[in-house]
Amino acid sequence: MISLYNDTCQEISKLITNNYSTSFSLGIKVFDPKFRAPIYNIYGFVRFADEIVDTFHDSDRKLLLEEFKKETYAAIDRKISLNPVLHSFQEVVHKYGLELDHIEAFLKSMEMDLYDIEYDEATLKEYIYGSAEVVGLMCLKVFCEGDTKEYNRLEEWAISLGSAFQKINFLRDMKSDFEERGRTYFPDVDLRNFTSEDKSRIEDDIQKDFDHAYIGIKQLPSGARLGVFTAYRYYLSLFYKIKGAPAQNILSERIRINNGKKMYLLTSSVVKNRLGML
């Protein structure tokens, strides 16, 4: 039965999400049940593509990513794949009308991570759009369930949220990106002399994205609002912790939110939602 295969593939994407990201897993658990499987499937796809470029340093990452890209489009064309992650993802593509341009932009950003790029404002914008903003737009497609008017209305806020999340990831992972992968994403910043002024300028930019994104979160469909708000609060808490750390700490440690704090954020978000405070 194809339904058994579909369910098994979806369980694999769910397992990937749970193993790789406790924060997103917590947020997904409070989505309306109809949204959980498609969001797991999107996460499984983007996680594995990211894993190719970030982790498989002893392999030909360029070849692996090119094969992954070809297999992605083959899965979409055929509406089936023996790669469980791609099979689950193609189901979401077809059911919710995910845009091929967004998938292409995402894979292009993954490819950018294979090379030593000296980012300027234009290339950084392109990278953030492909690596994070379009992922938010894929999720928004799911939340809007085919309502194009609603999707278009909420699009700008989803973009801001994806941008904020990615820039926080840049700050959180600055040490490993620079020391292990040789990456520097922020233009005109010398990580060998990362100053408080550099850090403050980046944080001001992130705060603008957060402030703008929150407007849209409050307008999301009810079945998606709590889950997105929970992820927003997790990243906001991480952002505040980064803001409170000296610039040099960012280059010497990976700042985290512990699981107890994550559970508190989840529980308090549920309470806020029940009290109509979102």
C-alpha atoms as a PDB file:
ATOM      1  CA  MET A   1       0.000   0.000   0.000  1.00  0.00           C
ATOM      2  CA  ILE A   2       1.392   3.393  -1.002  1.00  0.00           C
ATOM      3  CA  SER A   3      -0.100   4.922   2.144  1.00  0.00           C
ATOM      4  CA  LEU A   4       2.197   2.756   4.284  1.00  0.00           C
ATOM      5  CA  TYR A   5       5.225   3.943   2.292  1.00  0.00           C
ATOM      6  CA  ASN A   6       4.075   7.576   2.544  1.00  0.00           C
ATOM      7  CA  ASP A   7       3.589   7.289   6.308  1.00  0.00           C
ATOM      8  CA  THR A   8       6.965   5.600   6.770  1.00  0.00           C
ATOM      9  CA  CYS A   9       8.740   8.333   4.804  1.00  0.00           C
ATOM     10  CA  GLN A  10       6.980  11.016   6.817  1.00  0.00           C
ATOM     11  CA  GLU A  11       8.039   9.344  10.061  1.00  0.00           C
ATOM     12  CA  ILE A  12      11.634   9.542   8.871  1.00  0.00           C
ATOM     13  CA  SER A  13      11.325  13.299   8.283  1.00  0.00           C
ATOM     14  CA  LYS A  14       9.778  13.638  11.733  1.00  0.00           C
ATOM     15  CA  LEU A  15      12.676  11.674  13.249  1.00  0.00           C
ATOM     16  CA  ILE A  16      15.187  13.946  11.493  1.00  0.00           C
ATOM     17  CA  THR A  17      13.470  17.031  12.893  1.00  0.00           C
ATOM     18  CA  ASN A  18      13.332  15.662  16.422  1.00  0.00           C
ATOM     19  CA  ASN A  19      16.970  14.564  16.349  1.00  0.00           C
ATOM     20  CA  TYR A  20      18.378  17.744  14.862  1.00  0.00           C
ATOM     21  CA  SER A  21      16.311  20.526  16.409  1.00  0.00           C
ATOM     22  CA  THR A  22      14.611  20.463  19.800  1.00  0.00           C
ATOM     23  CA  SER A  23      13.456  24.059  19.314  1.00  0.00           C
ATOM     24  CA  PHE A  24      11.626  23.493  16.028  1.00  0.00           C
ATOM     25  CA  SER A  25      10.319  20.147  17.269  1.00  0.00           C
ATOM     26  CA  LEU A  26       8.663  21.864  20.219  1.00  0.00           C
ATOM     27  CA  GLY A  27       7.077  24.460  17.958  1.00  0.00           C
ATOM     28  CA  ILE A  28       5.761  21.840  15.524  1.00  0.00           C
ATOM     29  CA  LYS A  29       4.149  19.870  18.352  1.00  0.00           C
ATOM     30  CA  VAL A  30       1.753  22.760  19.035  1.00  0.00           C
ATOM     31  CA  PHE A  31       0.699  23.217  15.414  1.00  0.00           C
ATOM     32  CA  ASP A  32      -2.732  22.015  14.416  1.00  0.00           C
ATOM     33  CA  PRO A  33      -2.203  18.294  13.619  1.00  0.00           C
ATOM     34  CA  LYS A  34      -2.890  18.888   9.922  1.00  0.00           C
ATOM     35  CA  PHE A  35       0.211  21.100   9.686  1.00  0.00           C
ATOM     36  CA  ARG A  36       2.681  18.886  11.529  1.00  0.00           C
ATOM     37  CA  ALA A  37       3.522  16.312   8.843  1.00  0.00           C
ATOM     38  CA  PRO A  38       4.103  18.815   6.014  1.00  0.00           C
ATOM     39  CA  ILE A  39       6.344  20.986   8.196  1.00  0.00           C
ATOM     40  CA  TYR A  40       8.342  17.932   9.299  1.00  0.00           C
ATOM     41  CA  ASN A  41       8.732  17.055   5.619  1.00  0.00           C
ATOM     42  CA  ILE A  42       9.993  20.518   4.709  1.00  0.00           C
ATOM     43  CA  TYR A  43      12.441  20.492   7.611  1.00  0.00           C
ATOM     44  CA  GLY A  44      13.782  17.056   6.666  1.00  0.00           C
ATOM     45  CA  PHE A  45      14.512  18.287   3.153  1.00  0.00           C
ATOM     46  CA  VAL A  46      16.299  21.489   4.155  1.00  0.00           C
ATOM     47  CA  ARG A  47      18.156  19.776   7.006  1.00  0.00           C
ATOM     48  CA  PHE A  48      19.674  17.112   4.782  1.00  0.00           C
ATOM     49  CA  ALA A  49      20.723  19.622   2.118  1.00  0.00           C
ATOM     50  CA  ASP A  50      22.360  21.731   4.816  1.00  0.00           C
ATOM     51  CA  GLU A  51      24.031  18.635   6.242  1.00  0.00           C
ATOM     52  CA  ILE A  52      25.738  17.954   2.919  1.00  0.00           C
ATOM     53  CA  VAL A  53      27.511  21.305   2.853  1.00  0.00           C
ATOM     54  CA  ASP A  54      28.167  21.633   6.594  1.00  0.00           C
ATOM     55  CA  THR A  55      29.199  18.156   7.671  1.00  0.00           C
ATOM     56  CA  PHE A  56      30.425  15.844   4.914  1.00  0.00           C
ATOM     57  CA  HIS A  57      33.898  17.365   4.613  1.00  0.00           C
ATOM     58  CA  ASP A  58      35.555  14.003   3.859  1.00  0.00           C
ATOM     59  CA  SER A  59      33.331  13.536   0.805  1.00  0.00           C
ATOM     60  CA  ASP A  60      32.870  15.367  -2.483  1.00  0.00           C
ATOM     61  CA  ARG A  61      30.239  17.761  -1.195  1.00  0.00           C
ATOM     62  CA  LYS A  62      29.769  19.456  -4.555  1.00  0.00           C
ATOM     63  CA  LEU A  63      28.955  16.134  -6.203  1.00  0.00           C
ATOM     64  CA  LEU A  64      26.676  15.088  -3.338  1.00  0.00           C
ATOM     65  CA  LEU A  65      24.740  18.357  -3.512  1.00  0.00           C
ATOM     66  CA  GLU A  66      24.432  18.143  -7.293  1.00  0.00           C
ATOM     67  CA  GLU A  67      23.068  14.608  -6.983  1.00  0.00           C
ATOM     68  CA  PHE A  68      20.694  15.692  -4.223  1.00  0.00           C
ATOM     69  CA  LYS A  69      19.455  18.527  -6.447  1.00  0.00           C
ATOM     70  CA  LYS A  70      18.857  16.200  -9.404  1.00  0.00           C
ATOM     71  CA  GLU A  71      17.090  13.697  -7.165  1.00  0.00           C
ATOM     72  CA  THR A  72      14.900  16.483  -5.753  1.00  0.00           C
ATOM     73  CA  TYR A  73      13.627  17.535  -9.160  1.00  0.00           C
ATOM     74  CA  ALA A  74      13.238  13.911 -10.246  1.00  0.00           C
ATOM     75  CA  ALA A  75      11.117  13.228  -7.160  1.00  0.00           C
ATOM     76  CA  ILE A  76       8.935  16.257  -7.920  1.00  0.00           C
ATOM     77  CA  ASP A  77       8.541  15.264 -11.588  1.00  0.00           C
ATOM     78  CA  ARG A  78       7.774  11.606 -10.871  1.00  0.00           C
ATOM     79  CA  LYS A  79       5.799  12.226  -7.670  1.00  0.00           C
ATOM     80  CA  ILE A  80       7.733   9.418  -6.026  1.00  0.00           C
ATOM     81  CA  SER A  81      11.242   8.731  -4.734  1.00  0.00           C
ATOM     82  CA  LEU A  82      13.079   5.923  -3.009  1.00  0.00           C
ATOM     83  CA  ASN A  83      14.796   8.608  -0.939  1.00  0.00           C
ATOM     84  CA  PRO A  84      12.297   8.894   1.957  1.00  0.00           C
ATOM     85  CA  VAL A  85      13.135  12.554   2.658  1.00  0.00           C
ATOM     86  CA  LEU A  86      12.627  13.576  -0.966  1.00  0.00           C
ATOM     87  CA  HIS A  87       9.492  11.488  -1.277  1.00  0.00           C
ATOM     88  CA  SER A  88       7.955  13.250   1.724  1.00  0.00           C
ATOM     89  CA  PHE A  89       9.050  16.641   0.413  1.00  0.00           C
ATOM     90  CA  GLN A  90       7.595  16.142  -3.059  1.00  0.00           C
ATOM     91  CA  GLU A  91       4.253  15.331  -1.474  1.00  0.00           C
ATOM     92  CA  VAL A  92       4.247  18.755   0.188  1.00  0.00           C
ATOM     93  CA  VAL A  93       5.352  20.441  -3.045  1.00  0.00           C
ATOM     94  CA  HIS A  94       2.367  19.046  -4.909  1.00  0.00           C
ATOM     95  CA  LYS A  95      -0.265  19.272  -2.176  1.00  0.00           C
ATOM     96  CA  TYR A  96       0.454  22.881  -1.196  1.00  0.00           C
ATOM     97  CA  GLY A  97       1.856  24.268  -4.436  1.00  0.00           C
ATOM     98  CA  LEU A  98       5.365  25.072  -3.212  1.00  0.00           C
ATOM     99  CA  GLU A  99       7.130  27.239  -5.770  1.00  0.00           C
ATOM    100  CA  LEU A 100       9.995  25.746  -7.757  1.00  0.00           C
ATOM    101  CA  ASP A 101      11.703  29.151  -7.702  1.00  0.00           C
ATOM    102  CA  HIS A 102      11.874  28.908  -3.907  1.00  0.00           C
ATOM    103  CA  ILE A 103      13.356  25.409  -4.060  1.00  0.00           C
ATOM    104  CA  GLU A 104      15.928  26.591  -6.614  1.00  0.00           C
ATOM    105  CA  ALA A 105      16.848  29.606  -4.456  1.00  0.00           C
ATOM    106  CA  PHE A 106      17.298  27.353  -1.431  1.00  0.00           C
ATOM    107  CA  LEU A 107      19.577  24.943  -3.272  1.00  0.00           C
ATOM    108  CA  LYS A 108      21.548  27.858  -4.726  1.00  0.00           C
ATOM    109  CA  SER A 109      22.273  29.126  -1.211  1.00  0.00           C
ATOM    110  CA  MET A 110      23.385  25.660  -0.166  1.00  0.00           C
ATOM    111  CA  GLU A 111      25.754  25.666  -3.135  1.00  0.00           C
ATOM    112  CA  MET A 112      27.117  29.059  -2.062  1.00  0.00           C
ATOM    113  CA  ASP A 113      28.273  27.426   1.179  1.00  0.00           C
ATOM    114  CA  LEU A 114      30.643  25.229  -0.820  1.00  0.00           C
ATOM    115  CA  TYR A 115      32.797  28.192  -1.790  1.00  0.00           C
ATOM    116  CA  ASP A 116      34.822  30.884  -0.035  1.00  0.00           C
ATOM    117  CA  ILE A 117      32.622  33.850  -0.842  1.00  0.00           C
ATOM    118  CA  GLU A 118      33.471  37.357   0.281  1.00  0.00           C
ATOM    119  CA  TYR A 119      29.947  38.496   1.040  1.00  0.00           C
ATOM    120  CA  ASP A 120      28.769  41.992   0.210  1.00  0.00           C
ATOM    121  CA  GLU A 121      25.277  43.355   0.840  1.00  0.00           C
ATOM    122  CA  ALA A 122      23.903  41.912  -2.415  1.00  0.00           C
ATOM    123  CA  THR A 123      25.301  38.399  -2.054  1.00  0.00           C
ATOM    124  CA  LEU A 124      24.384  38.255   1.640  1.00  0.00           C
ATOM    125  CA  LYS A 125      20.813  39.226   0.780  1.00  0.00           C
ATOM    126  CA  GLU A 126      20.728  36.508  -1.877  1.00  0.00           C
ATOM    127  CA  TYR A 127      22.099  33.947   0.568  1.00  0.00           C
ATOM    128  CA  ILE A 128      19.648  34.792   3.355  1.00  0.00           C
ATOM    129  CA  TYR A 129      16.735  34.771   0.923  1.00  0.00           C
ATOM    130  CA  GLY A 130      17.601  31.288  -0.299  1.00  0.00           C
ATOM    131  CA  SER A 131      18.754  29.719   2.939  1.00  0.00           C
ATOM    132  CA  ALA A 132      16.035  31.008   5.263  1.00  0.00           C
ATOM    133  CA  GLU A 133      13.405  33.338   3.838  1.00  0.00           C
ATOM    134  CA  VAL A 134      12.135  30.904   1.193  1.00  0.00           C
ATOM    135  CA  VAL A 135      11.910  28.172   3.841  1.00  0.00           C
ATOM    136  CA  GLY A 136       9.558  30.441   5.768  1.00  0.00           C
ATOM    137  CA  LEU A 137       7.600  30.991   2.564  1.00  0.00           C
ATOM    138  CA  MET A 138       7.334  27.227   2.000  1.00  0.00           C
ATOM    139  CA  CYS A 139       5.867  26.883   5.493  1.00  0.00           C
ATOM    140  CA  LEU A 140       3.526  29.806   4.844  1.00  0.00           C
ATOM    141  CA  LYS A 141       2.229  28.003   1.754  1.00  0.00           C
ATOM    142  CA  VAL A 142       1.266  25.122   4.022  1.00  0.00           C
ATOM    143  CA  PHE A 143      -0.370  27.374   6.613  1.00  0.00           C
ATOM    144  CA  CYS A 144      -2.460  29.195   3.999  1.00  0.00           C
ATOM    145  CA  GLU A 145      -3.698  25.919   2.440  1.00  0.00           C
ATOM    146  CA  GLY A 146      -4.036  27.258  -1.079  1.00  0.00           C
ATOM    147  CA  ASP A 147      -5.397  30.695  -0.165  1.00  0.00           C
ATOM    148  CA  THR A 148      -3.221  32.800  -2.480  1.00  0.00           C
ATOM    149  CA  LYS A 149      -4.644  36.104  -1.270  1.00  0.00           C
ATOM    150  CA  GLU A 150      -3.801  35.256   2.352  1.00  0.00           C
ATOM    151  CA  TYR A 151      -0.346  34.038   1.373  1.00  0.00           C
ATOM    152  CA  ASN A 152       0.422  37.249  -0.504  1.00  0.00           C
ATOM    153  CA  ARG A 153      -0.810  39.321   2.443  1.00  0.00           C
ATOM    154  CA  LEU A 154       1.457  37.547   4.951  1.00  0.00           C
ATOM    155  CA  GLU A 155       4.510  37.083   2.713  1.00  0.00           C
ATOM    156  CA  GLU A 156       6.518  40.130   3.797  1.00  0.00           C
ATOM    157  CA  TRP A 157       6.315  39.205   7.492  1.00  0.00           C
ATOM    158  CA  ALA A 158       7.366  35.596   6.843  1.00  0.00           C
ATOM    159  CA  ILE A 159      10.405  36.938   5.005  1.00  0.00           C
ATOM    160  CA  SER A 160      11.354  39.134   7.972  1.00  0.00           C
ATOM    161  CA  LEU A 161      11.071  36.222  10.399  1.00  0.00           C
ATOM    162  CA  GLY A 162      13.246  33.981   8.246  1.00  0.00           C
ATOM    163  CA  SER A 163      15.806  36.764   7.963  1.00  0.00           C
ATOM    164  CA  ALA A 164      15.911  37.292  11.743  1.00  0.00           C
ATOM    165  CA  PHE A 165      16.315  33.568  12.416  1.00  0.00           C
ATOM    166  CA  GLN A 166      19.173  33.242   9.945  1.00  0.00           C
ATOM    167  CA  LYS A 167      21.097  36.269  11.212  1.00  0.00           C
ATOM    168  CA  ILE A 168      20.848  34.911  14.759  1.00  0.00           C
ATOM    169  CA  ASN A 169      22.186  31.594  13.471  1.00  0.00           C
ATOM    170  CA  PHE A 170      25.114  33.505  11.968  1.00  0.00           C
ATOM    171  CA  LEU A 171      25.917  35.043  15.359  1.00  0.00           C
ATOM    172  CA  ARG A 172      25.364  31.810  17.297  1.00  0.00           C
ATOM    173  CA  ASP A 173      27.532  29.775  14.905  1.00  0.00           C
ATOM    174  CA  MET A 174      30.130  32.453  14.222  1.00  0.00           C
ATOM    175  CA  LYS A 175      32.920  30.531  15.950  1.00  0.00           C
ATOM    176  CA  SER A 176      32.402  27.233  14.096  1.00  0.00           C
ATOM    177  CA  ASP A 177      31.619  28.919  10.773  1.00  0.00           C
ATOM    178  CA  PHE A 178      34.854  30.904  10.914  1.00  0.00           C
ATOM    179  CA  GLU A 179      37.218  28.364  12.477  1.00  0.00           C
ATOM    180  CA  GLU A 180      35.917  25.125  10.932  1.00  0.00           C
ATOM    181  CA  ARG A 181      34.409  26.228   7.638  1.00  0.00           C
ATOM    182  CA  GLY A 182      36.204  29.498   6.881  1.00  0.00           C
ATOM    183  CA  ARG A 183      32.915  31.372   6.462  1.00  0.00           C
ATOM    184  CA  THR A 184      32.275  35.017   7.218  1.00  0.00           C
ATOM    185  CA  TYR A 185      28.763  36.127   6.345  1.00  0.00           C
ATOM    186  CA  PHE A 186      28.656  39.734   7.540  1.00  0.00           C
ATOM    187  CA  PRO A 187      30.125  42.276   5.092  1.00  0.00           C
ATOM    188  CA  ASP A 188      32.799  44.676   6.312  1.00  0.00           C
ATOM    189  CA  VAL A 189      33.348  42.718   9.536  1.00  0.00           C
ATOM    190  CA  ASP A 190      36.808  41.422  10.434  1.00  0.00           C
ATOM    191  CA  LEU A 191      36.248  38.470  12.743  1.00  0.00           C
ATOM    192  CA  ARG A 192      39.852  38.681  13.895  1.00  0.00           C
ATOM    193  CA  ASN A 193      38.840  42.031  15.371  1.00  0.00           C
ATOM    194  CA  PHE A 194      35.116  41.649  16.038  1.00  0.00           C
ATOM    195  CA  THR A 195      34.095  44.731  17.986  1.00  0.00           C
ATOM    196  CA  SER A 196      31.134  45.703  20.158  1.00  0.00           C
ATOM    197  CA  GLU A 197      30.198  48.223  17.482  1.00  0.00           C
ATOM    198  CA  ASP A 198      30.088  45.462  14.839  1.00  0.00           C
ATOM    199  CA  LYS A 199      27.919  43.330  17.117  1.00  0.00           C
ATOM    200  CA  SER A 200      25.539  46.196  17.962  1.00  0.00           C
ATOM    201  CA  ARG A 201      25.070  47.093  14.306  1.00  0.00           C
ATOM    202  CA  ILE A 202      24.132  43.506  13.459  1.00  0.00           C
ATOM    203  CA  GLU A 203      21.799  43.297  16.467  1.00  0.00           C
ATOM    204  CA  ASP A 204      19.982  46.496  15.493  1.00  0.00           C
ATOM    205  CA  ASP A 205      19.290  44.980  12.086  1.00  0.00           C
ATOM    206  CA  ILE A 206      17.966  41.773  13.646  1.00  0.00           C
ATOM    207  CA  GLN A 207      15.699  43.717  16.016  1.00  0.00           C
ATOM    208  CA  LYS A 208      14.063  45.457  13.050  1.00  0.00           C
ATOM    209  CA  ASP A 209      13.354  42.085  11.447  1.00  0.00           C
ATOM    210  CA  PHE A 210      11.881  40.745  14.690  1.00  0.00           C
ATOM    211  CA  ASP A 211       9.653  43.782  15.228  1.00  0.00           C
ATOM    212  CA  HIS A 212       8.320  43.566  11.688  1.00  0.00           C
ATOM    213  CA  ALA A 213       7.812  39.790  11.796  1.00  0.00           C
ATOM    214  CA  TYR A 214       5.739  39.899  14.987  1.00  0.00           C
ATOM    215  CA  ILE A 215       3.050  41.907  13.195  1.00  0.00           C
ATOM    216  CA  GLY A 216       2.547  38.991  10.821  1.00  0.00           C
ATOM    217  CA  ILE A 217       2.737  36.248  13.446  1.00  0.00           C
ATOM    218  CA  LYS A 218      -0.363  37.658  15.138  1.00  0.00           C
ATOM    219  CA  GLN A 219      -2.228  37.372  11.829  1.00  0.00           C
ATOM    220  CA  LEU A 220      -1.314  33.779  10.973  1.00  0.00           C
ATOM    221  CA  PRO A 221      -4.046  31.133  10.738  1.00  0.00           C
ATOM    222  CA  SER A 222      -4.931  29.965  14.235  1.00  0.00           C
ATOM    223  CA  GLY A 223      -3.603  26.445  13.691  1.00  0.00           C
ATOM    224  CA  ALA A 224      -0.134  27.774  12.869  1.00  0.00           C
ATOM    225  CA  ARG A 225       0.109  30.862  15.083  1.00  0.00           C
ATOM    226  CA  LEU A 226       1.135  29.214  18.366  1.00  0.00           C
ATOM    227  CA  GLY A 227       3.857  27.075  16.803  1.00  0.00           C
ATOM    228  CA  VAL A 228       5.417  29.991  14.937  1.00  0.00           C
ATOM    229  CA  PHE A 229       5.127  32.198  18.024  1.00  0.00           C
ATOM    230  CA  THR A 230       6.917  29.544  20.087  1.00  0.00           C
ATOM    231  CA  ALA A 231       9.813  29.415  17.598  1.00  0.00           C
ATOM    232  CA  TYR A 232       9.847  33.220  17.544  1.00  0.00           C
ATOM    233  CA  ARG A 233      10.112  33.374  21.342  1.00  0.00           C
ATOM    234  CA  TYR A 234      12.885  30.783  21.376  1.00  0.00           C
ATOM    235  CA  TYR A 235      14.935  32.777  18.882  1.00  0.00           C
ATOM    236  CA  LEU A 236      14.126  36.016  20.650  1.00  0.00           C
ATOM    237  CA  SER A 237      15.386  34.523  23.926  1.00  0.00           C
ATOM    238  CA  LEU A 238      18.562  33.377  22.155  1.00  0.00           C
ATOM    239  CA  PHE A 239      18.912  36.852  20.661  1.00  0.00           C
ATOM    240  CA  TYR A 240      18.682  38.511  24.083  1.00  0.00           C
ATOM    241  CA  LYS A 241      21.284  36.108  25.465  1.00  0.00           C
ATOM    242  CA  ILE A 242      23.622  36.947  22.574  1.00  0.00           C
ATOM    243  CA  LYS A 243      22.995  40.666  23.086  1.00  0.00           C
ATOM    244  CA  GLY A 244      24.034  40.328  26.712  1.00  0.00           C
ATOM    245  CA  ALA A 245      27.311  38.616  25.873  1.00  0.00           C
ATOM    246  CA  PRO A 246      30.548  40.506  25.102  1.00  0.00           C
ATOM    247  CA  ALA A 247      31.587  40.518  21.444  1.00  0.00           C
ATOM    248  CA  GLN A 248      34.590  38.256  22.072  1.00  0.00           C
ATOM    249  CA  ASN A 249      32.376  35.613  23.714  1.00  0.00           C
ATOM    250  CA  ILE A 250      30.579  35.157  20.407  1.00  0.00           C
ATOM    251  CA  LEU A 251      33.886  34.029  18.900  1.00  0.00           C
ATOM    252  CA  SER A 252      34.840  31.747  21.763  1.00  0.00           C
ATOM    253  CA  GLU A 253      31.623  29.816  22.487  1.00  0.00           C
ATOM    254  CA  ARG A 254      28.309  28.760  20.975  1.00  0.00           C
ATOM    255  CA  ILE A 255      25.553  30.446  22.949  1.00  0.00           C
ATOM    256  CA  ARG A 256      22.599  28.165  23.622  1.00  0.00           C
ATOM    257  CA  ILE A 257      19.210  28.035  25.309  1.00  0.00           C
ATOM    258  CA  ASN A 258      18.922  25.014  27.611  1.00  0.00           C
ATOM    259  CA  ASN A 259      16.053  22.554  27.339  1.00  0.00           C
ATOM    260  CA  GLY A 260      14.466  23.744  30.590  1.00  0.00           C
ATOM    261  CA  LYS A 261      14.215  27.276  29.213  1.00  0.00           C
ATOM    262  CA  LYS A 262      12.797  25.927  25.959  1.00  0.00           C
ATOM    263  CA  MET A 263      10.063  24.078  27.857  1.00  0.00           C
ATOM    264  CA  TYR A 264       9.271  27.230  29.822  1.00  0.00           C
ATOM    265  CA  LEU A 265       8.956  29.207  26.574  1.00  0.00           C
ATOM    266  CA  LEU A 266       6.651  26.552  25.140  1.00  0.00           C
ATOM    267  CA  THR A 267       4.444  26.401  28.233  1.00  0.00           C
ATOM    268  CA  SER A 268       4.187  30.167  28.623  1.00  0.00           C
ATOM    269  CA  SER A 269       3.407  30.545  24.914  1.00  0.00           C
ATOM    270  CA  VAL A 270       0.535  28.080  25.269  1.00  0.00           C
ATOM    271  CA  VAL A 271      -0.798  30.078  28.227  1.00  0.00           C
ATOM    272  CA  LYS A 272      -0.542  33.356  26.300  1.00  0.00           C
ATOM    273  CA  ASN A 273      -2.402  31.795  23.395  1.00  0.00           C
ATOM    274  CA  ARG A 274      -5.219  30.504  25.637  1.00  0.00           C
ATOM    275  CA  LEU A 275      -5.558  33.922  27.230  1.00  0.00           C
ATOM    276  CA  GLY A 276      -5.836  35.522  23.785  1.00  0.00           C
ATOM    277  CA  MET A 277      -2.595  37.446  24.251  1.00  0.00           C
ATOM    278  CA  LEU A 278      -1.078  36.607  20.816  1.00  0.00           C
END
